């Protein structure tokens, strides 16, 4: 679950693109791969807990 505090952008998954703005809440399905194209501040609840090993920077 992601809540957008400020900013806007989009999240791209294998099946869809989700455009968001301040005040939106977004649900990412368990195991779904996604990437951010955004400038924003968010609060993200993760279960199981997120670890730095899961992060991959793509240029």
N, C-alpha and C. Protein backbone atom coordinates (compact mmCIF):
# COMPACT_ATOMS: atom_id res chain seq x y z
N UNK A 1 0.85 -1.17 0.00
CA UNK A 1 0.00 0.00 0.00
C UNK A 1 0.89 1.23 0.00
N UNK A 2 0.60 2.16 -0.88
CA UNK A 2 1.38 3.39 -1.01
C UNK A 2 0.43 4.58 -0.87
N UNK A 3 0.77 5.55 -0.03
CA UNK A 3 0.01 6.79 0.06
C UNK A 3 0.93 7.93 -0.38
N UNK A 4 0.46 8.74 -1.33
CA UNK A 4 1.27 9.81 -1.90
C UNK A 4 1.09 11.08 -1.07
N UNK A 5 2.14 11.50 -0.38
CA UNK A 5 2.12 12.69 0.46
C UNK A 5 2.21 13.95 -0.40
N UNK A 6 3.13 13.93 -1.38
CA UNK A 6 3.27 15.08 -2.28
C UNK A 6 3.86 14.61 -3.59
N UNK A 7 3.68 15.42 -4.62
CA UNK A 7 4.24 15.11 -5.93
C UNK A 7 3.30 14.28 -6.78
N UNK A 8 3.86 13.76 -7.87
CA UNK A 8 3.07 12.97 -8.81
C UNK A 8 4.01 12.10 -9.65
N UNK A 9 3.42 11.23 -10.44
CA UNK A 9 4.22 10.38 -11.31
C UNK A 9 3.43 9.18 -11.77
N UNK A 10 4.17 8.11 -12.07
CA UNK A 10 3.51 6.88 -12.47
C UNK A 10 4.33 5.69 -12.00
N UNK A 11 3.62 4.60 -11.79
CA UNK A 11 4.22 3.31 -11.48
C UNK A 11 3.92 2.41 -12.66
N UNK A 12 4.95 1.77 -13.19
CA UNK A 12 4.79 0.90 -14.35
C UNK A 12 4.97 -0.54 -13.89
N UNK A 13 3.96 -1.38 -14.17
CA UNK A 13 4.05 -2.80 -13.87
C UNK A 13 4.13 -3.56 -15.19
N UNK A 14 4.17 -4.86 -15.12
CA UNK A 14 4.22 -5.66 -16.34
C UNK A 14 2.91 -5.56 -17.12
N UNK A 15 1.81 -5.25 -16.44
CA UNK A 15 0.49 -5.26 -17.08
C UNK A 15 -0.20 -3.91 -17.21
N UNK A 16 0.29 -2.89 -16.49
CA UNK A 16 -0.41 -1.61 -16.51
C UNK A 16 0.50 -0.47 -16.05
N UNK A 17 0.04 0.75 -16.31
CA UNK A 17 0.69 1.95 -15.83
C UNK A 17 -0.31 2.68 -14.94
N UNK A 18 0.11 3.03 -13.74
CA UNK A 18 -0.74 3.71 -12.77
C UNK A 18 -0.23 5.13 -12.61
N UNK A 19 -1.03 6.11 -13.01
CA UNK A 19 -0.69 7.52 -12.82
C UNK A 19 -1.24 7.95 -11.47
N UNK A 20 -0.43 8.72 -10.71
CA UNK A 20 -0.87 9.14 -9.38
C UNK A 20 -0.46 10.58 -9.09
N UNK A 21 -1.12 11.13 -8.06
CA UNK A 21 -0.84 12.50 -7.61
C UNK A 21 -1.02 12.55 -6.09
N UNK A 22 -0.72 13.69 -5.51
CA UNK A 22 -0.86 13.89 -4.07
C UNK A 22 -2.24 13.46 -3.60
N UNK A 23 -2.28 12.70 -2.50
CA UNK A 23 -3.54 12.26 -1.91
C UNK A 23 -4.02 10.90 -2.39
N UNK A 24 -3.39 10.35 -3.43
CA UNK A 24 -3.81 9.04 -3.95
C UNK A 24 -3.24 7.92 -3.08
N UNK A 25 -3.95 6.80 -3.07
CA UNK A 25 -3.48 5.57 -2.44
C UNK A 25 -3.40 4.51 -3.53
N UNK A 26 -2.33 3.73 -3.53
CA UNK A 26 -2.07 2.74 -4.58
C UNK A 26 -1.78 1.40 -3.91
N UNK A 27 -2.35 0.34 -4.46
CA UNK A 27 -2.08 -1.00 -3.96
C UNK A 27 -1.31 -1.78 -5.01
N UNK A 28 -0.14 -2.28 -4.63
CA UNK A 28 0.67 -3.12 -5.50
C UNK A 28 0.50 -4.56 -5.02
N UNK A 29 0.12 -5.46 -5.92
CA UNK A 29 -0.10 -6.85 -5.55
C UNK A 29 1.19 -7.52 -5.10
N UNK A 30 1.07 -8.46 -4.19
CA UNK A 30 2.20 -9.22 -3.69
C UNK A 30 2.96 -9.87 -4.85
N UNK A 31 4.28 -9.68 -4.88
CA UNK A 31 5.12 -10.29 -5.89
C UNK A 31 5.13 -9.56 -7.23
N UNK A 32 4.32 -8.50 -7.36
CA UNK A 32 4.27 -7.77 -8.63
C UNK A 32 5.54 -6.94 -8.82
N UNK A 33 6.15 -7.03 -9.98
CA UNK A 33 7.32 -6.21 -10.30
C UNK A 33 6.84 -4.85 -10.76
N UNK A 34 7.52 -3.80 -10.33
CA UNK A 34 7.13 -2.45 -10.71
C UNK A 34 8.35 -1.55 -10.71
N UNK A 35 8.18 -0.40 -11.38
CA UNK A 35 9.21 0.63 -11.34
C UNK A 35 8.54 1.99 -11.23
N UNK A 36 9.26 2.94 -10.66
CA UNK A 36 8.77 4.30 -10.46
C UNK A 36 9.26 5.21 -11.57
N UNK A 37 8.42 6.12 -12.00
CA UNK A 37 8.80 7.25 -12.85
C UNK A 37 8.12 8.44 -12.19
N UNK A 38 8.77 9.00 -11.17
CA UNK A 38 8.07 9.97 -10.33
C UNK A 38 9.03 10.84 -9.55
N UNK A 39 8.51 12.00 -9.16
CA UNK A 39 9.14 12.87 -8.17
C UNK A 39 8.08 13.06 -7.11
N UNK A 40 8.26 12.37 -5.96
CA UNK A 40 7.20 12.39 -4.96
C UNK A 40 7.74 11.96 -3.60
N UNK A 41 6.92 12.20 -2.59
CA UNK A 41 7.15 11.69 -1.24
C UNK A 41 5.99 10.77 -0.92
N UNK A 42 6.29 9.56 -0.45
CA UNK A 42 5.24 8.58 -0.17
C UNK A 42 5.47 7.92 1.18
N UNK A 43 4.41 7.31 1.67
CA UNK A 43 4.47 6.39 2.80
C UNK A 43 4.09 5.04 2.23
N UNK A 44 4.93 4.03 2.48
CA UNK A 44 4.69 2.72 1.90
C UNK A 44 4.70 1.66 3.00
N UNK A 45 3.60 0.91 3.09
CA UNK A 45 3.51 -0.22 4.02
C UNK A 45 3.84 -1.48 3.24
N UNK A 46 4.80 -2.27 3.71
CA UNK A 46 5.25 -3.47 3.00
C UNK A 46 5.10 -4.69 3.89
N UNK A 47 4.59 -5.76 3.31
CA UNK A 47 4.49 -7.03 4.01
C UNK A 47 4.73 -8.15 3.02
N UNK A 48 5.78 -8.94 3.21
CA UNK A 48 6.76 -8.86 4.29
C UNK A 48 7.60 -7.59 4.18
N UNK A 49 8.35 -7.31 5.21
CA UNK A 49 9.14 -6.08 5.26
C UNK A 49 10.07 -5.96 4.06
N UNK A 50 10.21 -4.74 3.56
CA UNK A 50 11.11 -4.44 2.45
C UNK A 50 12.54 -4.45 2.96
N UNK A 51 13.46 -4.95 2.12
CA UNK A 51 14.88 -4.93 2.48
C UNK A 51 15.67 -4.28 1.34
N UNK A 52 16.82 -3.68 1.63
CA UNK A 52 17.63 -3.05 0.59
C UNK A 52 18.04 -4.02 -0.53
N UNK A 53 18.11 -5.32 -0.27
CA UNK A 53 18.46 -6.29 -1.30
C UNK A 53 17.43 -6.33 -2.43
N UNK A 54 16.20 -5.88 -2.16
CA UNK A 54 15.14 -5.89 -3.17
C UNK A 54 15.23 -4.72 -4.14
N UNK A 55 16.06 -3.74 -3.84
CA UNK A 55 16.17 -2.52 -4.64
C UNK A 55 17.13 -2.71 -5.79
N UNK A 56 16.74 -2.26 -6.96
CA UNK A 56 17.62 -2.28 -8.12
C UNK A 56 17.42 -0.98 -8.88
N UNK A 57 18.48 -0.19 -9.06
CA UNK A 57 18.40 1.07 -9.78
C UNK A 57 18.53 0.78 -11.27
N UNK A 58 17.58 1.27 -12.05
CA UNK A 58 17.57 1.07 -13.50
C UNK A 58 17.72 2.42 -14.15
N UNK A 59 18.66 2.52 -15.11
CA UNK A 59 18.88 3.80 -15.79
C UNK A 59 18.27 3.78 -17.16
